[in-house]
Full PDB file with SEQRES, HELIX, SHEET, SSBOND, CRYST1, ORIGX, SCALE, CONECT and MASTER records, all heavy atoms in Angstrom:
SEQRES   1 A   40  THR ALA ASP MET HIS ARG LEU ILE ASN ALA LEU GLU SER          
SEQRES   2 A   40  LEU PRO LYS PRO ILE VAL GLY GLY ARG ALA ALA ALA LEU          
SEQRES   3 A   40  GLY THR LEU ALA ALA ILE HIS LYS ARG PHE ASP VAL LEU          
SEQRES   4 A   40  ALA                                                          
HELIX    1 AA1 ALA A    2  GLU A   12  1                                  11    
HELIX    2 AA2 GLY A   20  LEU A   39  1                                  20    
CRYST1    1.000    1.000    1.000  90.00  90.00  90.00 P 1           1          
ORIGX1      1.000000  0.000000  0.000000        0.00000                         
ORIGX2      0.000000  1.000000  0.000000        0.00000                         
ORIGX3      0.000000  0.000000  1.000000        0.00000                         
SCALE1      1.000000  0.000000  0.000000        0.00000                         
SCALE2      0.000000  1.000000  0.000000        0.00000                         
SCALE3      0.000000  0.000000  1.000000        0.00000                         
ATOM      1  N   THR A   1     105.505  13.445  38.178  1.00  0.00           N  
ATOM      2  CA  THR A   1     104.834  14.243  37.145  1.00  0.00           C  
ATOM      3  C   THR A   1     105.698  15.424  36.713  1.00  0.00           C  
ATOM      4  O   THR A   1     105.810  15.722  35.519  1.00  0.00           O  
ATOM      5  CB  THR A   1     103.451  14.718  37.658  1.00  0.00           C  
ATOM      6  OG1 THR A   1     102.692  13.575  38.050  1.00  0.00           O  
ATOM      7  CG2 THR A   1     102.695  15.463  36.602  1.00  0.00           C  
ATOM      8  N   ALA A   2     106.318  16.081  37.670  1.00  0.00           N  
ATOM      9  CA  ALA A   2     107.186  17.222  37.348  1.00  0.00           C  
ATOM     10  C   ALA A   2     108.401  16.777  36.549  1.00  0.00           C  
ATOM     11  O   ALA A   2     108.779  17.434  35.566  1.00  0.00           O  
ATOM     12  CB  ALA A   2     107.626  17.929  38.633  1.00  0.00           C  
ATOM     13  N   ASP A   3     109.013  15.652  36.950  1.00  0.00           N  
ATOM     14  CA  ASP A   3     110.167  15.136  36.213  1.00  0.00           C  
ATOM     15  C   ASP A   3     109.777  14.734  34.799  1.00  0.00           C  
ATOM     16  O   ASP A   3     110.521  14.968  33.844  1.00  0.00           O  
ATOM     17  CB  ASP A   3     110.781  13.936  36.937  1.00  0.00           C  
ATOM     18  CG  ASP A   3     111.468  14.323  38.241  1.00  0.00           C  
ATOM     19  OD1 ASP A   3     111.750  15.528  38.439  1.00  0.00           O  
ATOM     20  OD2 ASP A   3     111.729  13.419  39.053  1.00  0.00           O  
ATOM     21  N   MET A   4     108.606  14.136  34.668  1.00  0.00           N  
ATOM     22  CA  MET A   4     108.138  13.728  33.348  1.00  0.00           C  
ATOM     23  C   MET A   4     107.886  14.950  32.473  1.00  0.00           C  
ATOM     24  O   MET A   4     108.219  14.938  31.272  1.00  0.00           O  
ATOM     25  CB  MET A   4     106.848  12.899  33.495  1.00  0.00           C  
ATOM     26  CG  MET A   4     106.492  12.126  32.250  1.00  0.00           C  
ATOM     27  SD  MET A   4     105.096  11.005  32.520  1.00  0.00           S  
ATOM     28  CE  MET A   4     105.693   9.991  33.863  1.00  0.00           C  
ATOM     29  N   HIS A   5     107.344  15.996  33.056  1.00  0.00           N  
ATOM     30  CA  HIS A   5     107.117  17.230  32.307  1.00  0.00           C  
ATOM     31  C   HIS A   5     108.442  17.801  31.796  1.00  0.00           C  
ATOM     32  O   HIS A   5     108.536  18.238  30.649  1.00  0.00           O  
ATOM     33  CB  HIS A   5     106.389  18.250  33.192  1.00  0.00           C  
ATOM     34  CG  HIS A   5     106.030  19.506  32.494  1.00  0.00           C  
ATOM     35  ND1 HIS A   5     105.023  19.584  31.573  1.00  0.00           N  
ATOM     36  CD2 HIS A   5     106.573  20.750  32.564  1.00  0.00           C  
ATOM     37  CE1 HIS A   5     104.946  20.809  31.107  1.00  0.00           C  
ATOM     38  NE2 HIS A   5     105.883  21.548  31.690  1.00  0.00           N  
ATOM     39  N   ARG A   6     109.474  17.778  32.638  1.00  0.00           N  
ATOM     40  CA  ARG A   6     110.794  18.257  32.220  1.00  0.00           C  
ATOM     41  C   ARG A   6     111.352  17.415  31.076  1.00  0.00           C  
ATOM     42  O   ARG A   6     111.968  17.939  30.140  1.00  0.00           O  
ATOM     43  CB  ARG A   6     111.763  18.244  33.409  1.00  0.00           C  
ATOM     44  CG  ARG A   6     111.516  19.353  34.385  1.00  0.00           C  
ATOM     45  CD  ARG A   6     112.525  19.467  35.546  1.00  0.00           C  
ATOM     46  NE  ARG A   6     113.773  18.780  35.393  1.00  0.00           N  
ATOM     47  CZ  ARG A   6     114.141  17.677  36.084  1.00  0.00           C  
ATOM     48  NH1 ARG A   6     113.322  17.142  36.971  1.00  0.00           N  
ATOM     49  NH2 ARG A   6     115.317  17.128  35.896  1.00  0.00           N  
ATOM     50  N   LEU A   7     111.140  16.091  31.145  1.00  0.00           N  
ATOM     51  CA  LEU A   7     111.623  15.217  30.071  1.00  0.00           C  
ATOM     52  C   LEU A   7     110.869  15.488  28.772  1.00  0.00           C  
ATOM     53  O   LEU A   7     111.472  15.559  27.697  1.00  0.00           O  
ATOM     54  CB  LEU A   7     111.507  13.733  30.462  1.00  0.00           C  
ATOM     55  CG  LEU A   7     111.936  12.733  29.395  1.00  0.00           C  
ATOM     56  CD1 LEU A   7     113.383  12.971  28.956  1.00  0.00           C  
ATOM     57  CD2 LEU A   7     111.759  11.310  29.920  1.00  0.00           C  
ATOM     58  N   ILE A   8     109.578  15.679  28.862  1.00  0.00           N  
ATOM     59  CA  ILE A   8     108.782  16.002  27.666  1.00  0.00           C  
ATOM     60  C   ILE A   8     109.311  17.294  27.038  1.00  0.00           C  
ATOM     61  O   ILE A   8     109.521  17.370  25.828  1.00  0.00           O  
ATOM     62  CB  ILE A   8     107.286  16.107  28.023  1.00  0.00           C  
ATOM     63  CG1 ILE A   8     106.716  14.718  28.337  1.00  0.00           C  
ATOM     64  CG2 ILE A   8     106.497  16.758  26.882  1.00  0.00           C  
ATOM     65  CD1 ILE A   8     105.336  14.747  28.995  1.00  0.00           C  
ATOM     66  N   ASN A   9     109.545  18.305  27.864  1.00  0.00           N  
ATOM     67  CA  ASN A   9     110.080  19.583  27.337  1.00  0.00           C  
ATOM     68  C   ASN A   9     111.449  19.381  26.701  1.00  0.00           C  
ATOM     69  O   ASN A   9     111.734  19.977  25.641  1.00  0.00           O  
ATOM     70  CB  ASN A   9     110.167  20.619  28.447  1.00  0.00           C  
ATOM     71  CG  ASN A   9     108.808  21.164  28.830  1.00  0.00           C  
ATOM     72  OD1 ASN A   9     107.846  21.041  28.077  1.00  0.00           O  
ATOM     73  ND2 ASN A   9     108.723  21.751  30.012  1.00  0.00           N  
ATOM     74  N   ALA A  10     112.289  18.564  27.318  1.00  0.00           N  
ATOM     75  CA  ALA A  10     113.619  18.311  26.756  1.00  0.00           C  
ATOM     76  C   ALA A  10     113.518  17.615  25.406  1.00  0.00           C  
ATOM     77  O   ALA A  10     114.241  17.956  24.460  1.00  0.00           O  
ATOM     78  CB  ALA A  10     114.452  17.469  27.731  1.00  0.00           C  
ATOM     79  N   LEU A  11     112.617  16.645  25.280  1.00  0.00           N  
ATOM     80  CA  LEU A  11     112.447  15.942  24.007  1.00  0.00           C  
ATOM     81  C   LEU A  11     111.879  16.872  22.943  1.00  0.00           C  
ATOM     82  O   LEU A  11     112.284  16.807  21.779  1.00  0.00           O  
ATOM     83  CB  LEU A  11     111.537  14.727  24.193  1.00  0.00           C  
ATOM     84  CG  LEU A  11     112.110  13.565  25.007  1.00  0.00           C  
ATOM     85  CD1 LEU A  11     111.050  12.514  25.273  1.00  0.00           C  
ATOM     86  CD2 LEU A  11     113.304  12.943  24.277  1.00  0.00           C  
ATOM     87  N   GLU A  12     110.973  17.744  23.350  1.00  0.00           N  
ATOM     88  CA  GLU A  12     110.392  18.687  22.384  1.00  0.00           C  
ATOM     89  C   GLU A  12     111.412  19.720  21.920  1.00  0.00           C  
ATOM     90  O   GLU A  12     111.263  20.281  20.839  1.00  0.00           O  
ATOM     91  CB  GLU A  12     109.176  19.397  23.010  1.00  0.00           C  
ATOM     92  CG  GLU A  12     107.975  18.480  23.134  1.00  0.00           C  
ATOM     93  CD  GLU A  12     106.789  19.136  23.820  1.00  0.00           C  
ATOM     94  OE1 GLU A  12     106.992  20.123  24.563  1.00  0.00           O  
ATOM     95  OE2 GLU A  12     105.673  18.646  23.615  1.00  0.00           O  
ATOM     96  N   SER A  13     112.434  19.974  22.721  1.00  0.00           N  
ATOM     97  CA  SER A  13     113.432  20.988  22.352  1.00  0.00           C  
ATOM     98  C   SER A  13     114.486  20.458  21.393  1.00  0.00           C  
ATOM     99  O   SER A  13     115.293  21.228  20.869  1.00  0.00           O  
ATOM    100  CB  SER A  13     114.100  21.555  23.597  1.00  0.00           C  
ATOM    101  OG  SER A  13     114.990  20.612  24.165  1.00  0.00           O  
ATOM    102  N   LEU A  14     114.489  19.145  21.147  1.00  0.00           N  
ATOM    103  CA  LEU A  14     115.448  18.578  20.187  1.00  0.00           C  
ATOM    104  C   LEU A  14     115.111  19.064  18.780  1.00  0.00           C  
ATOM    105  O   LEU A  14     113.974  19.478  18.520  1.00  0.00           O  
ATOM    106  CB  LEU A  14     115.413  17.049  20.240  1.00  0.00           C  
ATOM    107  CG  LEU A  14     115.960  16.414  21.519  1.00  0.00           C  
ATOM    108  CD1 LEU A  14     115.712  14.905  21.515  1.00  0.00           C  
ATOM    109  CD2 LEU A  14     117.434  16.711  21.689  1.00  0.00           C  
ATOM    110  N   PRO A  15     116.083  19.014  17.872  1.00  0.00           N  
ATOM    111  CA  PRO A  15     115.817  19.481  16.498  1.00  0.00           C  
ATOM    112  C   PRO A  15     114.593  18.800  15.872  1.00  0.00           C  
ATOM    113  O   PRO A  15     114.308  17.639  16.130  1.00  0.00           O  
ATOM    114  CB  PRO A  15     117.088  19.101  15.761  1.00  0.00           C  
ATOM    115  CG  PRO A  15     118.149  19.020  16.804  1.00  0.00           C  
ATOM    116  CD  PRO A  15     117.441  18.537  18.046  1.00  0.00           C  
ATOM    117  N   LYS A  16     113.880  19.559  15.104  1.00  0.00           N  
ATOM    118  CA  LYS A  16     112.682  19.084  14.418  1.00  0.00           C  
ATOM    119  C   LYS A  16     113.085  18.364  13.144  1.00  0.00           C  
ATOM    120  O   LYS A  16     114.178  18.563  12.653  1.00  0.00           O  
ATOM    121  CB  LYS A  16     111.734  20.237  14.101  1.00  0.00           C  
ATOM    122  CG  LYS A  16     111.401  21.112  15.301  1.00  0.00           C  
ATOM    123  CD  LYS A  16     110.716  20.346  16.422  1.00  0.00           C  
ATOM    124  CE  LYS A  16     110.277  21.266  17.541  1.00  0.00           C  
ATOM    125  NZ  LYS A  16     110.960  21.121  18.794  1.00  0.00           N  
ATOM    126  N   PRO A  17     112.326  17.539  12.539  1.00  0.00           N  
ATOM    127  CA  PRO A  17     110.960  17.181  12.907  1.00  0.00           C  
ATOM    128  C   PRO A  17     110.937  16.096  13.980  1.00  0.00           C  
ATOM    129  O   PRO A  17     111.894  15.370  14.176  1.00  0.00           O  
ATOM    130  CB  PRO A  17     110.370  16.651  11.591  1.00  0.00           C  
ATOM    131  CG  PRO A  17     111.539  16.021  10.897  1.00  0.00           C  
ATOM    132  CD  PRO A  17     112.722  16.895  11.272  1.00  0.00           C  
ATOM    133  N   ILE A  18     109.805  16.047  14.666  1.00  0.00           N  
ATOM    134  CA  ILE A  18     109.593  15.011  15.680  1.00  0.00           C  
ATOM    135  C   ILE A  18     108.797  13.900  15.003  1.00  0.00           C  
ATOM    136  O   ILE A  18     107.600  14.047  14.772  1.00  0.00           O  
ATOM    137  CB  ILE A  18     108.840  15.582  16.899  1.00  0.00           C  
ATOM    138  CG1 ILE A  18     109.662  16.692  17.530  1.00  0.00           C  
ATOM    139  CG2 ILE A  18     108.537  14.475  17.886  1.00  0.00           C  
ATOM    140  CD1 ILE A  18     108.960  17.435  18.643  1.00  0.00           C  
ATOM    141  N   VAL A  19     109.496  12.824  14.663  1.00  0.00           N  
ATOM    142  CA  VAL A  19     108.851  11.706  13.968  1.00  0.00           C  
ATOM    143  C   VAL A  19     109.341  10.395  14.553  1.00  0.00           C  
ATOM    144  O   VAL A  19     110.270  10.360  15.368  1.00  0.00           O  
ATOM    145  CB  VAL A  19     109.155  11.754  12.448  1.00  0.00           C  
ATOM    146  CG1 VAL A  19     108.558  12.988  11.802  1.00  0.00           C  
ATOM    147  CG2 VAL A  19     110.649  11.703  12.187  1.00  0.00           C  
ATOM    148  N   GLY A  20     108.752   9.314  14.102  1.00  0.00           N  
ATOM    149  CA  GLY A  20     109.209   7.970  14.464  1.00  0.00           C  
ATOM    150  C   GLY A  20     109.263   7.733  15.955  1.00  0.00           C  
ATOM    151  O   GLY A  20     108.306   7.968  16.677  1.00  0.00           O  
ATOM    152  N   GLY A  21     110.419   7.274  16.407  1.00  0.00           N  
ATOM    153  CA  GLY A  21     110.610   6.911  17.793  1.00  0.00           C  
ATOM    154  C   GLY A  21     110.429   8.069  18.757  1.00  0.00           C  
ATOM    155  O   GLY A  21     109.858   7.908  19.844  1.00  0.00           O  
ATOM    156  N   ARG A  22     110.895   9.247  18.365  1.00  0.00           N  
ATOM    157  CA  ARG A  22     110.712  10.416  19.227  1.00  0.00           C  
ATOM    158  C   ARG A  22     109.232  10.747  19.389  1.00  0.00           C  
ATOM    159  O   ARG A  22     108.774  11.082  20.476  1.00  0.00           O  
ATOM    160  CB  ARG A  22     111.450  11.625  18.675  1.00  0.00           C  
ATOM    161  CG  ARG A  22     112.909  11.604  19.025  1.00  0.00           C  
ATOM    162  CD  ARG A  22     113.694  12.795  18.501  1.00  0.00           C  
ATOM    163  NE  ARG A  22     113.078  14.077  18.672  1.00  0.00           N  
ATOM    164  CZ  ARG A  22     113.285  15.114  17.873  1.00  0.00           C  
ATOM    165  NH1 ARG A  22     114.085  15.007  16.837  1.00  0.00           N  
ATOM    166  NH2 ARG A  22     112.710  16.256  18.104  1.00  0.00           N  
ATOM    167  N   ALA A  23     108.485  10.647  18.306  1.00  0.00           N  
ATOM    168  CA  ALA A  23     107.049  10.922  18.369  1.00  0.00           C  
ATOM    169  C   ALA A  23     106.351   9.907  19.264  1.00  0.00           C  
ATOM    170  O   ALA A  23     105.480  10.271  20.066  1.00  0.00           O  
ATOM    171  CB  ALA A  23     106.445  10.917  16.971  1.00  0.00           C  
ATOM    172  N   ALA A  24     106.733   8.653  19.152  1.00  0.00           N  
ATOM    173  CA  ALA A  24     106.138   7.611  19.987  1.00  0.00           C  
ATOM    174  C   ALA A  24     106.451   7.867  21.467  1.00  0.00           C  
ATOM    175  O   ALA A  24     105.570   7.739  22.326  1.00  0.00           O  
ATOM    176  CB  ALA A  24     106.645   6.227  19.568  1.00  0.00           C  
ATOM    177  N   ALA A  25     107.681   8.213  21.758  1.00  0.00           N  
ATOM    178  CA  ALA A  25     108.077   8.486  23.138  1.00  0.00           C  
ATOM    179  C   ALA A  25     107.298   9.689  23.681  1.00  0.00           C  
ATOM    180  O   ALA A  25     106.769   9.631  24.798  1.00  0.00           O  
ATOM    181  CB  ALA A  25     109.583   8.719  23.221  1.00  0.00           C  
ATOM    182  N   LEU A  26     107.237  10.766  22.907  1.00  0.00           N  
ATOM    183  CA  LEU A  26     106.541  11.964  23.363  1.00  0.00           C  
ATOM    184  C   LEU A  26     105.055  11.707  23.592  1.00  0.00           C  
ATOM    185  O   LEU A  26     104.486  12.152  24.597  1.00  0.00           O  
ATOM    186  CB  LEU A  26     106.723  13.101  22.362  1.00  0.00           C  
ATOM    187  CG  LEU A  26     107.963  13.929  22.538  1.00  0.00           C  
ATOM    188  CD1 LEU A  26     108.196  14.848  21.351  1.00  0.00           C  
ATOM    189  CD2 LEU A  26     107.883  14.735  23.818  1.00  0.00           C  
ATOM    190  N   GLY A  27     104.426  11.019  22.670  1.00  0.00           N  
ATOM    191  CA  GLY A  27     102.991  10.735  22.809  1.00  0.00           C  
ATOM    192  C   GLY A  27     102.695   9.889  24.023  1.00  0.00           C  
ATOM    193  O   GLY A  27     101.747  10.162  24.783  1.00  0.00           O  
ATOM    194  N   THR A  28     103.506   8.855  24.244  1.00  0.00           N  
ATOM    195  CA  THR A  28     103.311   7.982  25.391  1.00  0.00           C  
ATOM    196  C   THR A  28     103.574   8.722  26.693  1.00  0.00           C  
ATOM    197  O   THR A  28     102.795   8.622  27.651  1.00  0.00           O  
ATOM    198  CB  THR A  28     104.191   6.724  25.281  1.00  0.00           C  
ATOM    199  OG1 THR A  28     103.906   6.069  24.029  1.00  0.00           O  
ATOM    200  CG2 THR A  28     103.942   5.763  26.412  1.00  0.00           C  
ATOM    201  N   LEU A  29     104.663   9.478  26.745  1.00  0.00           N  
ATOM    202  CA  LEU A  29     104.966  10.250  27.952  1.00  0.00           C  
ATOM    203  C   LEU A  29     103.872  11.280  28.246  1.00  0.00           C  
ATOM    204  O   LEU A  29     103.506  11.475  29.416  1.00  0.00           O  
ATOM    205  CB  LEU A  29     106.313  10.949  27.817  1.00  0.00           C  
ATOM    206  CG  LEU A  29     107.543  10.054  27.947  1.00  0.00           C  
ATOM    207  CD1 LEU A  29     108.794  10.809  27.511  1.00  0.00           C  
ATOM    208  CD2 LEU A  29     107.678   9.557  29.374  1.00  0.00           C  
ATOM    209  N   ALA A  30     103.357  11.918  27.214  1.00  0.00           N  
ATOM    210  CA  ALA A  30     102.296  12.920  27.423  1.00  0.00           C  
ATOM    211  C   ALA A  30     101.042  12.257  27.993  1.00  0.00           C  
ATOM    212  O   ALA A  30     100.400  12.827  28.891  1.00  0.00           O  
ATOM    213  CB  ALA A  30     101.974  13.632  26.115  1.00  0.00           C  
ATOM    214  N   ALA A  31     100.701  11.082  27.512  1.00  0.00           N  
ATOM    215  CA  ALA A  31      99.525  10.373  28.015  1.00  0.00           C  
ATOM    216  C   ALA A  31      99.715   9.945  29.474  1.00  0.00           C  
ATOM    217  O   ALA A  31      98.818  10.118  30.306  1.00  0.00           O  
ATOM    218  CB  ALA A  31      99.222   9.156  27.149  1.00  0.00           C  
ATOM    219  N   ILE A  32     100.875   9.423  29.793  1.00  0.00           N  
ATOM    220  CA  ILE A  32     101.171   9.021  31.172  1.00  0.00           C  
ATOM    221  C   ILE A  32     101.176  10.245  32.084  1.00  0.00           C  
ATOM    222  O   ILE A  32     100.624  10.232  33.185  1.00  0.00           O  
ATOM    223  CB  ILE A  32     102.501   8.261  31.271  1.00  0.00           C  
ATOM    224  CG1 ILE A  32     102.425   6.932  30.512  1.00  0.00           C  
ATOM    225  CG2 ILE A  32     102.892   8.014  32.729  1.00  0.00           C  
ATOM    226  CD1 ILE A  32     103.782   6.253  30.337  1.00  0.00           C  
ATOM    227  N   HIS A  33     101.798  11.323  31.626  1.00  0.00           N  
ATOM    228  CA  HIS A  33     101.850  12.554  32.401  1.00  0.00           C  
ATOM    229  C   HIS A  33     100.438  13.027  32.741  1.00  0.00           C  
ATOM    230  O   HIS A  33     100.155  13.387  33.889  1.00  0.00           O  
ATOM    231  CB  HIS A  33     102.601  13.638  31.606  1.00  0.00           C  
ATOM    232  CG  HIS A  33     102.684  14.942  32.310  1.00  0.00           C  
ATOM    233  ND1 HIS A  33     101.759  15.939  32.096  1.00  0.00           N  
ATOM    234  CD2 HIS A  33     103.564  15.423  33.217  1.00  0.00           C  
ATOM    235  CE1 HIS A  33     102.081  16.980  32.845  1.00  0.00           C  
ATOM    236  NE2 HIS A  33     103.170  16.687  33.531  1.00  0.00           N  
ATOM    237  N   LYS A  34      99.556  13.030  31.773  1.00  0.00           N  
ATOM    238  CA  LYS A  34      98.185  13.468  32.011  1.00  0.00           C  
ATOM    239  C   LYS A  34      97.503  12.566  33.032  1.00  0.00           C  
ATOM    240  O   LYS A  34      96.839  13.066  33.954  1.00  0.00           O  
ATOM    241  CB  LYS A  34      97.397  13.504  30.707  1.00  0.00           C  
ATOM    242  CG  LYS A  34      95.982  14.003  30.904  1.00  0.00           C  
ATOM    243  CD  LYS A  34      95.255  14.203  29.605  1.00  0.00           C  
ATOM    244  CE  LYS A  34      93.830  14.605  29.903  1.00  0.00           C  
ATOM    245  NZ  LYS A  34      93.426  15.787  29.215  1.00  0.00           N  
ATOM    246  N   ARG A  35      97.659  11.242  32.902  1.00  0.00           N  
ATOM    247  CA  ARG A  35      97.045  10.319  33.859  1.00  0.00           C  
ATOM    248  C   ARG A  35      97.565  10.565  35.271  1.00  0.00           C  
ATOM    249  O   ARG A  35      96.804  10.580  36.231  1.00  0.00           O  
ATOM    250  CB  ARG A  35      97.318   8.857  33.453  1.00  0.00           C  
ATOM    251  CG  ARG A  35      96.503   8.448  32.250  1.00  0.00           C  
ATOM    252  CD  ARG A  35      96.573   6.983  31.869  1.00  0.00           C  
ATOM    253  NE  ARG A  35      97.489   6.108  32.502  1.00  0.00           N  
ATOM    254  CZ  ARG A  35      98.320   5.262  31.864  1.00  0.00           C  
ATOM    255  NH1 ARG A  35      98.332   5.247  30.552  1.00  0.00           N  
ATOM    256  NH2 ARG A  35      99.097   4.455  32.525  1.00  0.00           N  
ATOM    257  N   PHE A  36      98.873  10.739  35.418  1.00  0.00           N  
ATOM    258  CA  PHE A  36      99.461  10.977  36.738  1.00  0.00           C  
ATOM    259  C   PHE A  36      98.997  12.312  37.310  1.00  0.00           C  
ATOM    260  O   PHE A  36      98.733  12.421  38.507  1.00  0.00           O  
ATOM    261  CB  PHE A  36     100.985  10.947  36.668  1.00  0.00           C  
ATOM    262  CG  PHE A  36     101.580   9.550  36.624  1.00  0.00           C  
ATOM    263  CD1 PHE A  36     100.817   8.420  36.455  1.00  0.00           C  
ATOM    264  CD2 PHE A  36     102.945   9.394  36.757  1.00  0.00           C  
ATOM    265  CE1 PHE A  36     101.383   7.154  36.436  1.00  0.00           C  
ATOM    266  CE2 PHE A  36     103.537   8.138  36.727  1.00  0.00           C  
ATOM    267  CZ  PHE A  36     102.748   7.015  36.575  1.00  0.00           C  
ATOM    268  N   ASP A  37      98.919  13.321  36.458  1.00  0.00           N  
ATOM    269  CA  ASP A  37      98.497  14.651  36.920  1.00  0.00           C  
ATOM    270  C   ASP A  37      97.051  14.604  37.424  1.00  0.00           C  
ATOM    271  O   ASP A  37      96.740  15.151  38.485  1.00  0.00           O  
ATOM    272  CB  ASP A  37      98.661  15.661  35.783  1.00  0.00           C  
ATOM    273  CG  ASP A  37      98.591  17.093  36.246  1.00  0.00           C  
ATOM    274  OD1 ASP A  37      99.159  17.410  37.311  1.00  0.00           O  
ATOM    275  OD2 ASP A  37      97.971  17.897  35.543  1.00  0.00           O  
ATOM    276  N   VAL A  38      96.177  13.963  36.672  1.00  0.00           N  
ATOM    277  CA  VAL A  38      94.785  13.834  37.072  1.00  0.00           C  
ATOM    278  C   VAL A  38      94.689  13.033  38.367  1.00  0.00           C  
ATOM    279  O   VAL A  38      93.940  13.412  39.289  1.00  0.00           O  
ATOM    280  CB  VAL A  38      93.946  13.185  35.945  1.00  0.00           C  
ATOM    281  CG1 VAL A  38      92.570  12.771  36.436  1.00  0.00           C  
ATOM    282  CG2 VAL A  38      93.833  14.130  34.762  1.00  0.00           C  
ATOM    283  N   LEU A  39      95.435  11.951  38.462  1.00  0.00           N  
ATOM    284  CA  LEU A  39      95.402  11.132  39.669  1.00  0.00           C  
ATOM    285  C   LEU A  39      95.907  11.898  40.892  1.00  0.00           C  
ATOM    286  O   LEU A  39      95.300  11.847  41.967  1.00  0.00           O  
ATOM    287  CB  LEU A  39      96.214   9.853  39.462  1.00  0.00           C  
ATOM    288  CG  LEU A  39      96.297   8.904  40.655  1.00  0.00           C  
ATOM    289  CD1 LEU A  39      94.901   8.479  41.121  1.00  0.00           C  
ATOM    290  CD2 LEU A  39      97.130   7.681  40.296  1.00  0.00           C  
ATOM    291  N   ALA A  40      97.005  12.617  40.736  1.00  0.00           N  
ATOM    292  CA  ALA A  40      97.535  13.411  41.856  1.00  0.00           C  
ATOM    293  C   ALA A  40      96.515  14.432  42.335  1.00  0.00           C  
ATOM    294  O   ALA A  40      96.344  14.632  43.536  1.00  0.00           O  
ATOM    295  CB  ALA A  40      98.836  14.088  41.452  1.00  0.00           C  
TER     296      ALA A  40                                                      
MASTER        0    0    0    2    0    0    0    6  295    1    0    4          
END                                                                             
């Protein structure tokens, strides 16, 4: 969960706008992160 959070932050820090593939990756990672955090 911590590593995933770091990756999400790294992806969010890339130049804007966040669209297309980056948006899909961020949305999916955020959903997985939340599930793992709740489970932990």
